[in-house]
């Protein structure tokens, strides 16, 4: 899967999203301008030691992003969409795009992608969710639809073993 952040503004959100991408084997695509420098402490703090493992690409603008990914299926997360994220079918190589924290994806982009705009249901008096939370919600639905391909099937305890029926 691919996560696209269009002009993100808050470094801690991008750091958290980067960490989620590393944990899921997803790529992160950043469309400039960014509201911070990628070497900021807050990005590294949120991403902890995962940031060097992140598959991250940067683009000067949305046009360059499209040019480098012709024909890509791009889902656009926006509170203005007609369809809910859980009602669409995500492919394993799809891109899921999120806008900047203060304004979302520009409407100039959204109007050309109405069929792939998706939203997370919320009460009407709530403007939006935190960006890193929204990414996690939609990304994990996309991964679920693809049977969490390539991800660990179960976890192990650190110091002990799980009890089984055979013991």
N, C-alpha and C. Protein backbone atom coordinates (compact mmCIF):
# COMPACT_ATOMS: atom_id res chain seq x y z
N UNK A 1 0.85 -1.18 0.00
CA UNK A 1 0.00 0.00 0.00
C UNK A 1 0.89 1.24 0.00
N UNK A 2 0.29 2.34 -0.38
CA UNK A 2 1.00 3.61 -0.44
C UNK A 2 0.17 4.68 0.26
N UNK A 3 0.80 5.42 1.16
CA UNK A 3 0.16 6.55 1.82
C UNK A 3 0.76 7.82 1.25
N UNK A 4 -0.12 8.75 0.87
CA UNK A 4 0.30 10.02 0.31
C UNK A 4 -0.18 11.13 1.23
N UNK A 5 0.74 12.00 1.64
CA UNK A 5 0.38 13.17 2.44
C UNK A 5 0.59 14.41 1.58
N UNK A 6 -0.48 15.13 1.35
CA UNK A 6 -0.43 16.34 0.54
C UNK A 6 -0.20 17.54 1.47
N UNK A 7 0.99 18.08 1.45
CA UNK A 7 1.39 19.26 2.20
C UNK A 7 1.14 19.14 3.72
N UNK A 8 1.65 18.06 4.34
CA UNK A 8 1.45 17.93 5.79
C UNK A 8 2.11 19.07 6.55
N UNK A 9 1.51 19.45 7.68
CA UNK A 9 1.99 20.62 8.43
C UNK A 9 2.60 20.29 9.78
N UNK A 10 2.21 19.17 10.38
CA UNK A 10 2.63 18.86 11.75
C UNK A 10 3.61 17.70 11.74
N UNK A 11 4.85 17.95 12.15
CA UNK A 11 5.87 16.90 12.06
C UNK A 11 5.55 15.65 12.87
N UNK A 12 4.94 15.79 14.03
CA UNK A 12 4.63 14.61 14.85
C UNK A 12 3.64 13.69 14.13
N UNK A 13 2.68 14.27 13.43
CA UNK A 13 1.74 13.44 12.67
C UNK A 13 2.48 12.66 11.59
N UNK A 14 3.33 13.34 10.86
CA UNK A 14 4.08 12.67 9.79
C UNK A 14 5.00 11.60 10.36
N UNK A 15 5.60 11.86 11.51
CA UNK A 15 6.43 10.85 12.17
C UNK A 15 5.63 9.62 12.56
N UNK A 16 4.45 9.85 13.13
CA UNK A 16 3.58 8.72 13.50
C UNK A 16 3.13 7.94 12.27
N UNK A 17 2.78 8.65 11.22
CA UNK A 17 2.36 8.00 9.98
C UNK A 17 3.52 7.21 9.38
N UNK A 18 4.72 7.77 9.42
CA UNK A 18 5.90 7.05 8.95
C UNK A 18 6.10 5.75 9.71
N UNK A 19 5.92 5.80 11.02
CA UNK A 19 6.06 4.60 11.84
C UNK A 19 5.01 3.55 11.46
N UNK A 20 3.78 4.00 11.22
CA UNK A 20 2.72 3.09 10.79
C UNK A 20 3.06 2.48 9.44
N UNK A 21 3.61 3.28 8.55
CA UNK A 21 4.01 2.76 7.23
C UNK A 21 5.09 1.69 7.37
N UNK A 22 6.07 1.92 8.22
CA UNK A 22 7.12 0.92 8.42
C UNK A 22 6.51 -0.37 8.98
N UNK A 23 5.61 -0.24 9.95
CA UNK A 23 5.01 -1.42 10.59
C UNK A 23 4.16 -2.23 9.63
N UNK A 24 3.65 -1.60 8.58
CA UNK A 24 2.76 -2.28 7.64
C UNK A 24 3.40 -2.56 6.29
N UNK A 25 4.64 -2.15 6.11
CA UNK A 25 5.31 -2.35 4.83
C UNK A 25 4.79 -1.42 3.75
N UNK A 26 4.19 -0.32 4.15
CA UNK A 26 3.64 0.65 3.20
C UNK A 26 4.66 1.73 2.88
N UNK A 27 4.54 2.32 1.70
CA UNK A 27 5.40 3.43 1.31
C UNK A 27 4.73 4.75 1.69
N UNK A 28 5.55 5.75 1.99
CA UNK A 28 5.05 7.08 2.31
C UNK A 28 5.49 8.04 1.22
N UNK A 29 4.54 8.82 0.71
CA UNK A 29 4.80 9.80 -0.34
C UNK A 29 4.42 11.17 0.20
N UNK A 30 5.37 12.11 0.18
CA UNK A 30 5.15 13.45 0.72
C UNK A 30 5.14 14.46 -0.42
N UNK A 31 4.04 15.20 -0.52
CA UNK A 31 3.91 16.23 -1.54
C UNK A 31 4.13 17.59 -0.89
N UNK A 32 5.10 18.33 -1.40
CA UNK A 32 5.48 19.62 -0.83
C UNK A 32 4.51 20.72 -1.24
N UNK A 33 4.56 21.84 -0.51
CA UNK A 33 5.50 22.14 0.56
C UNK A 33 5.10 21.46 1.87
N UNK A 34 6.13 21.08 2.63
CA UNK A 34 5.93 20.52 3.96
C UNK A 34 5.96 21.66 4.97
N UNK A 35 5.24 21.51 6.05
CA UNK A 35 5.22 22.54 7.08
C UNK A 35 6.34 22.40 8.08
N UNK A 36 7.38 21.66 7.75
CA UNK A 36 8.48 21.35 8.66
C UNK A 36 9.64 20.81 7.84
N UNK A 37 10.78 20.62 8.49
CA UNK A 37 11.94 20.00 7.86
C UNK A 37 11.97 18.54 8.28
N UNK A 38 12.34 17.67 7.38
CA UNK A 38 12.36 16.23 7.69
C UNK A 38 13.40 15.86 8.73
N UNK A 39 14.33 16.77 9.02
CA UNK A 39 15.34 16.45 10.03
C UNK A 39 14.94 16.93 11.43
N UNK A 40 13.71 17.42 11.58
CA UNK A 40 13.28 17.93 12.88
C UNK A 40 13.19 16.82 13.91
N UNK A 41 13.50 17.18 15.16
CA UNK A 41 13.46 16.23 16.25
C UNK A 41 12.08 15.61 16.43
N UNK A 42 11.03 16.41 16.25
CA UNK A 42 9.68 15.91 16.48
C UNK A 42 9.30 14.80 15.52
N UNK A 43 9.80 14.84 14.30
CA UNK A 43 9.53 13.74 13.35
C UNK A 43 10.25 12.50 13.81
N UNK A 44 11.48 12.65 14.19
CA UNK A 44 12.26 11.49 14.62
C UNK A 44 11.73 10.95 15.95
N UNK A 45 11.27 11.83 16.83
CA UNK A 45 10.72 11.38 18.11
C UNK A 45 9.48 10.55 17.87
N UNK A 46 8.57 11.03 17.01
CA UNK A 46 7.34 10.30 16.73
C UNK A 46 7.62 9.01 15.98
N UNK A 47 8.57 9.04 15.06
CA UNK A 47 8.90 7.87 14.28
C UNK A 47 9.91 6.97 14.96
N UNK A 48 10.46 7.46 16.06
CA UNK A 48 11.49 6.76 16.83
C UNK A 48 12.60 6.26 15.91
N UNK A 49 13.05 5.06 16.15
CA UNK A 49 14.16 4.53 15.35
C UNK A 49 13.68 3.89 14.05
N UNK A 50 12.41 4.03 13.74
CA UNK A 50 11.86 3.43 12.52
C UNK A 50 12.10 4.28 11.28
N UNK A 51 12.31 5.57 11.45
CA UNK A 51 12.39 6.47 10.30
C UNK A 51 13.43 6.04 9.25
N UNK A 52 14.62 5.56 9.64
CA UNK A 52 15.58 5.12 8.60
C UNK A 52 15.09 3.91 7.80
N UNK A 53 14.12 3.16 8.31
CA UNK A 53 13.59 1.98 7.61
C UNK A 53 12.44 2.34 6.68
N UNK A 54 12.03 3.60 6.68
CA UNK A 54 10.86 4.04 5.93
C UNK A 54 11.16 4.20 4.44
N UNK A 55 10.29 3.67 3.61
CA UNK A 55 10.34 3.90 2.16
C UNK A 55 9.58 5.19 1.90
N UNK A 56 10.31 6.30 1.75
CA UNK A 56 9.67 7.61 1.63
C UNK A 56 10.13 8.31 0.35
N UNK A 57 9.18 8.95 -0.33
CA UNK A 57 9.48 9.72 -1.55
C UNK A 57 8.89 11.11 -1.39
N UNK A 58 9.56 12.10 -2.01
CA UNK A 58 9.08 13.49 -1.96
C UNK A 58 8.82 13.99 -3.37
N UNK A 59 7.83 14.88 -3.48
CA UNK A 59 7.43 15.46 -4.76
C UNK A 59 7.24 16.95 -4.57
N UNK A 60 7.57 17.72 -5.57
CA UNK A 60 7.44 19.17 -5.50
C UNK A 60 5.97 19.61 -5.48
N UNK A 61 5.10 18.84 -6.15
CA UNK A 61 3.68 19.18 -6.19
C UNK A 61 2.89 17.95 -6.63
N UNK A 62 1.57 18.08 -6.67
CA UNK A 62 0.71 16.96 -7.04
C UNK A 62 0.93 16.55 -8.50
N UNK A 63 1.20 17.51 -9.37
CA UNK A 63 1.46 17.20 -10.78
C UNK A 63 2.67 16.28 -10.93
N UNK A 64 3.73 16.56 -10.19
CA UNK A 64 4.91 15.69 -10.25
C UNK A 64 4.58 14.30 -9.71
N UNK A 65 3.82 14.24 -8.64
CA UNK A 65 3.40 12.94 -8.09
C UNK A 65 2.66 12.13 -9.16
N UNK A 66 1.69 12.76 -9.83
CA UNK A 66 0.92 12.07 -10.87
C UNK A 66 1.81 11.64 -12.04
N UNK A 67 2.74 12.49 -12.39
CA UNK A 67 3.66 12.20 -13.48
C UNK A 67 4.51 10.96 -13.18
N UNK A 68 4.91 10.81 -11.93
CA UNK A 68 5.75 9.68 -11.53
C UNK A 68 4.96 8.40 -11.29
N UNK A 69 3.63 8.53 -11.18
CA UNK A 69 2.78 7.36 -10.92
C UNK A 69 1.59 7.35 -11.88
N UNK A 70 1.85 7.29 -13.18
CA UNK A 70 0.75 7.33 -14.15
C UNK A 70 -0.15 6.10 -14.00
N UNK A 71 -1.44 6.34 -14.05
CA UNK A 71 -2.40 5.24 -13.97
C UNK A 71 -2.63 4.70 -12.57
N UNK A 72 -2.01 5.29 -11.55
CA UNK A 72 -2.16 4.79 -10.19
C UNK A 72 -3.59 5.02 -9.70
N UNK A 73 -4.10 4.07 -8.93
CA UNK A 73 -5.41 4.23 -8.29
C UNK A 73 -5.17 5.03 -7.02
N UNK A 74 -5.73 6.23 -6.95
CA UNK A 74 -5.51 7.12 -5.80
C UNK A 74 -6.84 7.36 -5.10
N UNK A 75 -6.96 6.85 -3.90
CA UNK A 75 -8.12 7.13 -3.05
C UNK A 75 -7.83 8.41 -2.29
N UNK A 76 -8.79 9.31 -2.24
CA UNK A 76 -8.59 10.61 -1.60
C UNK A 76 -9.50 10.73 -0.39
N UNK A 77 -8.88 10.76 0.78
CA UNK A 77 -9.64 10.85 2.03
C UNK A 77 -10.03 12.30 2.29
N UNK A 78 -11.34 12.51 2.37
CA UNK A 78 -11.85 13.86 2.60
C UNK A 78 -13.19 13.77 3.33
N UNK A 79 -13.44 14.70 4.21
CA UNK A 79 -14.72 14.72 4.93
C UNK A 79 -15.88 15.04 3.99
N UNK A 80 -15.58 15.45 2.77
CA UNK A 80 -16.61 15.88 1.81
C UNK A 80 -17.08 14.76 0.88
N UNK A 81 -16.51 13.56 0.98
CA UNK A 81 -16.80 12.47 0.05
C UNK A 81 -18.20 11.89 0.23
N UNK A 82 -18.72 11.32 -0.85
CA UNK A 82 -20.02 10.66 -0.83
C UNK A 82 -19.92 9.23 -0.28
N UNK A 83 -18.79 8.57 -0.53
CA UNK A 83 -18.69 7.17 -0.12
C UNK A 83 -17.77 6.98 1.08
N UNK A 84 -18.08 5.97 1.87
CA UNK A 84 -17.35 5.65 3.10
C UNK A 84 -16.18 4.72 2.76
N UNK A 85 -15.06 4.91 3.43
CA UNK A 85 -13.85 4.13 3.15
C UNK A 85 -14.05 2.63 3.22
N UNK A 86 -14.95 2.16 4.07
CA UNK A 86 -15.15 0.72 4.23
C UNK A 86 -16.06 0.12 3.15
N UNK A 87 -16.63 0.98 2.29
CA UNK A 87 -17.51 0.52 1.23
C UNK A 87 -16.82 0.40 -0.13
N UNK A 88 -15.54 0.70 -0.19
CA UNK A 88 -14.81 0.60 -1.46
C UNK A 88 -13.87 -0.60 -1.40
N UNK A 89 -13.38 -1.01 -2.55
CA UNK A 89 -12.45 -2.14 -2.62
C UNK A 89 -11.05 -1.63 -2.92
N UNK A 90 -10.17 -1.80 -1.96
CA UNK A 90 -8.78 -1.37 -2.10
C UNK A 90 -7.96 -2.49 -2.72
N UNK A 91 -7.08 -2.13 -3.66
CA UNK A 91 -6.14 -3.08 -4.22
C UNK A 91 -4.82 -3.00 -3.47
N UNK A 92 -3.97 -4.00 -3.58
CA UNK A 92 -2.72 -4.05 -2.82
C UNK A 92 -1.71 -2.97 -3.20
N UNK A 93 -1.85 -2.38 -4.38
CA UNK A 93 -0.91 -1.35 -4.82
C UNK A 93 -1.54 0.04 -4.89
N UNK A 94 -2.70 0.19 -4.27
CA UNK A 94 -3.40 1.48 -4.30
C UNK A 94 -2.68 2.53 -3.46
N UNK A 95 -2.96 3.79 -3.79
CA UNK A 95 -2.46 4.94 -3.06
C UNK A 95 -3.64 5.54 -2.29
N UNK A 96 -3.41 5.92 -1.04
CA UNK A 96 -4.44 6.57 -0.23
C UNK A 96 -3.88 7.93 0.17
N UNK A 97 -4.55 8.98 -0.29
CA UNK A 97 -4.03 10.34 -0.10
C UNK A 97 -4.82 11.08 0.98
N UNK A 98 -4.09 11.83 1.79
CA UNK A 98 -4.65 12.66 2.85
C UNK A 98 -4.11 14.07 2.70
N UNK A 99 -4.93 15.05 3.06
CA UNK A 99 -4.51 16.44 2.93
C UNK A 99 -3.90 16.98 4.21
N UNK A 100 -3.49 18.24 4.13
CA UNK A 100 -2.86 18.87 5.28
C UNK A 100 -3.87 19.05 6.41
N UNK A 101 -3.34 19.12 7.61
CA UNK A 101 -4.16 19.14 8.81
C UNK A 101 -5.14 20.30 8.86
N UNK A 102 -4.78 21.46 8.37
CA UNK A 102 -5.63 22.65 8.50
C UNK A 102 -6.70 22.77 7.41
N UNK A 103 -6.53 22.08 6.28
CA UNK A 103 -7.47 22.31 5.17
C UNK A 103 -7.81 21.08 4.34
N UNK A 104 -7.15 19.97 4.56
CA UNK A 104 -7.42 18.78 3.76
C UNK A 104 -6.83 18.87 2.37
N UNK A 105 -7.33 18.03 1.48
CA UNK A 105 -6.89 18.02 0.08
C UNK A 105 -7.59 19.19 -0.62
N UNK A 106 -6.87 19.97 -1.41
CA UNK A 106 -7.52 21.10 -2.10
C UNK A 106 -8.68 20.64 -2.98
N UNK A 107 -9.75 21.43 -2.98
CA UNK A 107 -10.92 21.09 -3.79
C UNK A 107 -10.59 21.04 -5.28
N UNK A 108 -9.58 21.79 -5.72
CA UNK A 108 -9.15 21.76 -7.12
C UNK A 108 -8.68 20.36 -7.52
N UNK A 109 -8.16 19.61 -6.58
CA UNK A 109 -7.76 18.23 -6.83
C UNK A 109 -8.96 17.30 -6.68
N UNK A 110 -9.75 17.50 -5.64
CA UNK A 110 -10.88 16.61 -5.35
C UNK A 110 -11.89 16.54 -6.50
N UNK A 111 -12.20 17.68 -7.12
CA UNK A 111 -13.24 17.69 -8.17
C UNK A 111 -12.89 16.79 -9.35
N UNK A 112 -11.61 16.53 -9.57
CA UNK A 112 -11.20 15.65 -10.66
C UNK A 112 -11.14 14.18 -10.26
N UNK A 113 -11.44 13.89 -8.98
CA UNK A 113 -11.33 12.53 -8.48
C UNK A 113 -12.54 12.12 -7.64
N UNK A 114 -13.71 12.62 -8.01
CA UNK A 114 -14.91 12.36 -7.20
C UNK A 114 -15.16 10.88 -6.96
N UNK A 115 -14.92 10.04 -7.95
CA UNK A 115 -15.21 8.60 -7.82
C UNK A 115 -14.30 7.89 -6.84
N UNK A 116 -13.14 8.48 -6.54
CA UNK A 116 -12.22 7.82 -5.60
C UNK A 116 -12.07 8.61 -4.29
N UNK A 117 -12.99 9.51 -4.04
CA UNK A 117 -12.99 10.22 -2.74
C UNK A 117 -13.71 9.36 -1.71
N UNK A 118 -13.11 9.26 -0.54
CA UNK A 118 -13.67 8.44 0.55
C UNK A 118 -13.66 9.25 1.83
N UNK A 119 -14.53 8.87 2.76
CA UNK A 119 -14.57 9.56 4.05
C UNK A 119 -14.71 8.57 5.19
N UNK A 120 -14.33 9.03 6.36
CA UNK A 120 -14.53 8.29 7.60
C UNK A 120 -15.77 8.89 8.26
N UNK A 121 -16.78 8.08 8.56
CA UNK A 121 -18.00 8.63 9.17
C UNK A 121 -17.70 9.29 10.54
N UNK A 122 -18.32 10.45 10.73
CA UNK A 122 -18.18 11.19 11.99
C UNK A 122 -19.46 11.96 12.24
N UNK A 123 -19.63 12.43 13.45
CA UNK A 123 -20.75 13.32 13.74
C UNK A 123 -20.57 14.61 12.93
N UNK A 124 -21.67 15.22 12.55
CA UNK A 124 -21.60 16.37 11.64
C UNK A 124 -20.94 17.60 12.23
N UNK A 125 -20.92 17.75 13.54
CA UNK A 125 -20.31 18.95 14.13
C UNK A 125 -18.81 18.80 14.39
N UNK A 126 -18.23 17.70 13.96
CA UNK A 126 -16.78 17.47 14.09
C UNK A 126 -16.13 17.78 12.75
N UNK A 127 -15.12 18.62 12.75
CA UNK A 127 -14.46 19.03 11.51
C UNK A 127 -13.66 17.90 10.88
N UNK A 128 -12.84 17.22 11.69
CA UNK A 128 -12.02 16.13 11.16
C UNK A 128 -11.36 15.37 12.30
N UNK A 129 -10.78 14.23 11.96
CA UNK A 129 -9.99 13.45 12.91
C UNK A 129 -8.53 13.88 12.82
N UNK A 130 -7.74 13.50 13.80
CA UNK A 130 -6.30 13.69 13.72
C UNK A 130 -5.77 12.93 12.50
N UNK A 131 -4.85 13.55 11.78
CA UNK A 131 -4.34 12.98 10.54
C UNK A 131 -3.75 11.59 10.73
N UNK A 132 -2.92 11.40 11.74
CA UNK A 132 -2.30 10.08 11.90
C UNK A 132 -3.34 9.02 12.27
N UNK A 133 -4.38 9.40 13.01
CA UNK A 133 -5.46 8.46 13.31
C UNK A 133 -6.23 8.10 12.04
N UNK A 134 -6.53 9.10 11.22
CA UNK A 134 -7.27 8.85 9.98
C UNK A 134 -6.49 7.92 9.06
N UNK A 135 -5.19 8.14 8.94
CA UNK A 135 -4.36 7.26 8.10
C UNK A 135 -4.43 5.83 8.62
N UNK A 136 -4.30 5.65 9.93
CA UNK A 136 -4.32 4.29 10.50
C UNK A 136 -5.66 3.61 10.24
N UNK A 137 -6.75 4.32 10.40
CA UNK A 137 -8.08 3.74 10.20
C UNK A 137 -8.23 3.24 8.77
N UNK A 138 -7.95 4.08 7.80
CA UNK A 138 -8.15 3.72 6.40
C UNK A 138 -7.12 2.69 5.93
N UNK A 139 -5.87 2.87 6.31
CA UNK A 139 -4.83 1.93 5.90
C UNK A 139 -5.12 0.53 6.40
N UNK A 140 -5.52 0.39 7.64
CA UNK A 140 -5.78 -0.95 8.16
C UNK A 140 -7.01 -1.59 7.54
N UNK A 141 -7.98 -0.80 7.12
CA UNK A 141 -9.10 -1.37 6.37
C UNK A 141 -8.61 -1.88 5.02
N UNK A 142 -7.77 -1.11 4.36
CA UNK A 142 -7.23 -1.53 3.07
C UNK A 142 -6.40 -2.81 3.23
N UNK A 143 -5.60 -2.86 4.27
CA UNK A 143 -4.80 -4.06 4.54
C UNK A 143 -5.69 -5.26 4.87
N UNK A 144 -6.74 -5.04 5.65
CA UNK A 144 -7.68 -6.12 5.99
C UNK A 144 -8.30 -6.69 4.72
N UNK A 145 -8.71 -5.79 3.83
CA UNK A 145 -9.32 -6.25 2.58
C UNK A 145 -8.36 -7.09 1.74
N UNK A 146 -7.08 -6.89 1.94
CA UNK A 146 -6.06 -7.65 1.22
C UNK A 146 -5.45 -8.74 2.10
N UNK A 147 -6.22 -9.20 3.08
CA UNK A 147 -5.85 -10.29 3.99
C UNK A 147 -4.54 -10.04 4.73
N UNK A 148 -4.23 -8.78 5.00
CA UNK A 148 -2.99 -8.42 5.71
C UNK A 148 -1.78 -9.11 5.10
N UNK A 149 -1.78 -9.21 3.78
CA UNK A 149 -0.73 -9.91 3.05
C UNK A 149 0.67 -9.45 3.49
N UNK A 150 1.50 -10.40 3.87
CA UNK A 150 2.88 -10.12 4.23
C UNK A 150 3.09 -9.68 5.67
N UNK A 151 2.00 -9.51 6.42
CA UNK A 151 2.15 -9.07 7.81
C UNK A 151 2.10 -10.28 8.74
N UNK A 152 2.71 -10.14 9.88
CA UNK A 152 2.79 -11.21 10.87
C UNK A 152 1.40 -11.69 11.26
N UNK A 153 1.22 -12.99 11.31
CA UNK A 153 -0.09 -13.55 11.61
C UNK A 153 -0.43 -13.51 13.10
N UNK A 154 0.54 -13.66 13.97
CA UNK A 154 0.27 -13.62 15.40
C UNK A 154 1.51 -13.11 16.12
N UNK A 155 1.31 -12.66 17.34
CA UNK A 155 2.42 -12.13 18.11
C UNK A 155 2.90 -13.08 19.17
N UNK A 156 4.10 -12.85 19.62
CA UNK A 156 4.68 -13.66 20.69
C UNK A 156 4.89 -12.76 21.90
N UNK A 157 4.79 -13.35 23.08
CA UNK A 157 5.10 -12.64 24.31
C UNK A 157 6.60 -12.42 24.39
N UNK A 158 7.03 -11.44 25.16
CA UNK A 158 8.46 -11.16 25.27
C UNK A 158 9.18 -12.15 26.18
N UNK A 159 8.62 -12.41 27.35
CA UNK A 159 9.31 -13.26 28.32
C UNK A 159 8.71 -14.65 28.47
N UNK A 160 7.46 -14.80 28.13
CA UNK A 160 6.79 -16.08 28.36
C UNK A 160 6.23 -16.62 27.05
N UNK A 161 5.67 -17.80 27.13
CA UNK A 161 5.03 -18.44 25.97
C UNK A 161 3.52 -18.45 26.18
N UNK A 162 2.76 -18.39 25.09
CA UNK A 162 1.31 -18.51 25.19
C UNK A 162 0.96 -19.91 25.64
N UNK A 163 -0.05 -20.02 26.49
CA UNK A 163 -0.55 -21.35 26.91
C UNK A 163 -1.42 -21.88 25.80
N UNK A 164 -1.26 -23.15 25.49
CA UNK A 164 -2.08 -23.78 24.45
C UNK A 164 -2.91 -24.89 25.06
N UNK A 165 -3.85 -25.40 24.31
CA UNK A 165 -4.70 -26.49 24.77
C UNK A 165 -3.88 -27.77 24.98
N UNK A 166 -2.74 -27.87 24.28
CA UNK A 166 -1.91 -29.08 24.36
C UNK A 166 -1.07 -29.16 25.62
N UNK A 167 -0.96 -28.04 26.37
CA UNK A 167 -0.08 -28.05 27.57
C UNK A 167 -0.77 -28.62 28.76
